N, C-alpha and C. Protein backbone atom coordinates (compact mmCIF):
# COMPACT_ATOMS: atom_id res chain seq x y z
N MET A 1 0.82 -1.20 0.00
CA MET A 1 0.00 0.00 0.00
C MET A 1 0.86 1.25 0.00
N ASN A 2 1.94 1.26 0.78
CA ASN A 2 2.79 2.43 0.85
C ASN A 2 3.53 2.68 -0.46
N THR A 3 3.89 1.63 -1.17
CA THR A 3 4.59 1.82 -2.45
C THR A 3 3.66 2.41 -3.50
N ILE A 4 2.37 2.08 -3.43
CA ILE A 4 1.42 2.66 -4.39
C ILE A 4 1.30 4.16 -4.16
N ILE A 5 1.15 4.56 -2.93
CA ILE A 5 1.04 5.99 -2.60
C ILE A 5 2.34 6.71 -2.95
N GLN A 6 3.45 6.07 -2.67
CA GLN A 6 4.74 6.67 -2.99
C GLN A 6 4.90 6.85 -4.49
N ASN A 7 4.50 5.86 -5.28
CA ASN A 7 4.60 5.97 -6.73
C ASN A 7 3.67 7.06 -7.27
N ILE A 8 2.49 7.17 -6.71
CA ILE A 8 1.56 8.23 -7.14
C ILE A 8 2.16 9.59 -6.85
N LEU A 9 2.75 9.78 -5.68
CA LEU A 9 3.35 11.06 -5.33
C LEU A 9 4.55 11.38 -6.21
N VAL A 10 5.36 10.38 -6.52
CA VAL A 10 6.54 10.60 -7.37
C VAL A 10 6.12 10.99 -8.77
N PHE A 11 5.16 10.27 -9.34
CA PHE A 11 4.73 10.58 -10.70
C PHE A 11 4.00 11.92 -10.78
N SER A 12 3.25 12.28 -9.75
CA SER A 12 2.58 13.58 -9.76
C SER A 12 3.61 14.71 -9.65
N ALA A 13 4.65 14.52 -8.85
CA ALA A 13 5.70 15.53 -8.75
C ALA A 13 6.46 15.65 -10.07
N LEU A 14 6.68 14.53 -10.74
CA LEU A 14 7.35 14.55 -12.04
C LEU A 14 6.51 15.28 -13.08
N ILE A 15 5.21 15.02 -13.08
CA ILE A 15 4.33 15.69 -14.03
C ILE A 15 4.28 17.19 -13.76
N LEU A 16 4.22 17.58 -12.49
CA LEU A 16 4.22 19.00 -12.16
C LEU A 16 5.53 19.67 -12.57
N ALA A 17 6.64 19.00 -12.36
CA ALA A 17 7.94 19.57 -12.73
C ALA A 17 8.06 19.72 -14.25
N LEU A 18 7.65 18.70 -14.99
CA LEU A 18 7.70 18.79 -16.45
C LEU A 18 6.75 19.86 -16.97
N GLY A 19 5.58 19.97 -16.37
CA GLY A 19 4.64 21.02 -16.76
C GLY A 19 5.21 22.40 -16.51
N PHE A 20 5.90 22.58 -15.40
CA PHE A 20 6.51 23.88 -15.10
C PHE A 20 7.61 24.21 -16.11
N ILE A 21 8.44 23.22 -16.45
CA ILE A 21 9.51 23.45 -17.41
C ILE A 21 8.94 23.78 -18.78
N ILE A 22 7.93 23.05 -19.20
CA ILE A 22 7.32 23.31 -20.51
C ILE A 22 6.67 24.68 -20.53
N LYS A 23 5.99 25.04 -19.45
CA LYS A 23 5.32 26.33 -19.39
C LYS A 23 6.30 27.49 -19.43
N THR A 24 7.41 27.38 -18.70
CA THR A 24 8.32 28.52 -18.61
C THR A 24 9.25 28.65 -19.80
N TYR A 25 9.67 27.55 -20.41
CA TYR A 25 10.66 27.65 -21.47
C TYR A 25 10.11 27.50 -22.87
N PHE A 26 9.09 26.68 -23.05
CA PHE A 26 8.63 26.40 -24.40
C PHE A 26 7.30 27.07 -24.74
N TRP A 27 6.45 27.31 -23.75
CA TRP A 27 5.11 27.80 -24.00
C TRP A 27 4.93 29.22 -23.48
N SER A 28 6.04 29.95 -23.28
CA SER A 28 5.95 31.31 -22.76
C SER A 28 5.53 32.26 -23.87
N PRO A 29 4.75 33.28 -23.54
CA PRO A 29 4.32 34.23 -24.57
C PRO A 29 5.49 35.06 -25.06
N LYS A 30 5.37 35.55 -26.26
CA LYS A 30 6.43 36.38 -26.83
C LYS A 30 6.55 37.68 -26.03
N LYS A 31 7.78 38.04 -25.71
CA LYS A 31 8.00 39.26 -24.96
C LYS A 31 7.92 40.45 -25.90
N LYS A 32 7.24 41.49 -25.43
CA LYS A 32 7.13 42.69 -26.24
C LYS A 32 8.42 43.48 -26.16
N LYS A 33 8.76 44.11 -27.25
CA LYS A 33 9.97 44.94 -27.26
C LYS A 33 9.69 46.22 -26.48
N THR A 34 10.67 46.63 -25.71
CA THR A 34 10.51 47.86 -24.95
C THR A 34 10.73 49.05 -25.86
N LYS A 35 9.96 50.07 -25.60
CA LYS A 35 10.08 51.29 -26.40
C LYS A 35 11.32 52.06 -25.97
N VAL A 36 11.90 52.77 -26.91
CA VAL A 36 13.09 53.56 -26.61
C VAL A 36 12.65 54.81 -25.85
N CYS A 37 13.30 55.06 -24.73
CA CYS A 37 12.97 56.22 -23.93
C CYS A 37 13.69 57.45 -24.48
N GLY A 38 12.94 58.49 -24.66
CA GLY A 38 13.53 59.73 -25.09
C GLY A 38 13.08 60.84 -24.17
N GLY A 39 13.98 61.38 -23.40
CA GLY A 39 13.62 62.49 -22.52
C GLY A 39 13.38 62.00 -21.10
N ASP A 40 12.55 62.76 -20.39
CA ASP A 40 12.28 62.47 -18.98
C ASP A 40 10.87 61.95 -18.78
N ASP A 41 10.47 60.90 -19.49
CA ASP A 41 9.10 60.40 -19.32
C ASP A 41 8.99 59.33 -18.24
N ASP A 42 10.05 59.05 -17.50
CA ASP A 42 10.04 58.14 -16.36
C ASP A 42 9.43 56.78 -16.71
N CYS A 43 9.98 56.13 -17.71
CA CYS A 43 9.43 54.84 -18.11
C CYS A 43 10.07 53.69 -17.34
N GLY A 44 11.11 53.91 -16.59
CA GLY A 44 11.71 52.88 -15.78
C GLY A 44 12.76 52.04 -16.50
N CYS A 45 13.21 52.47 -17.66
CA CYS A 45 14.19 51.65 -18.39
C CYS A 45 15.62 52.16 -18.19
N HIS A 46 15.83 53.13 -17.35
CA HIS A 46 17.18 53.64 -17.10
C HIS A 46 17.68 53.15 -15.77
């Protein structure tokens, strides 16, 4: 009984880890290009 629960926990942790890796590296949305700051408009890019 304990090995069944242990296997379920291990496989669920593996699935969560793979899902996190796929979400962050392969399925991330395209990053928008930042606009060039000209002057003192306080855009936070300096």
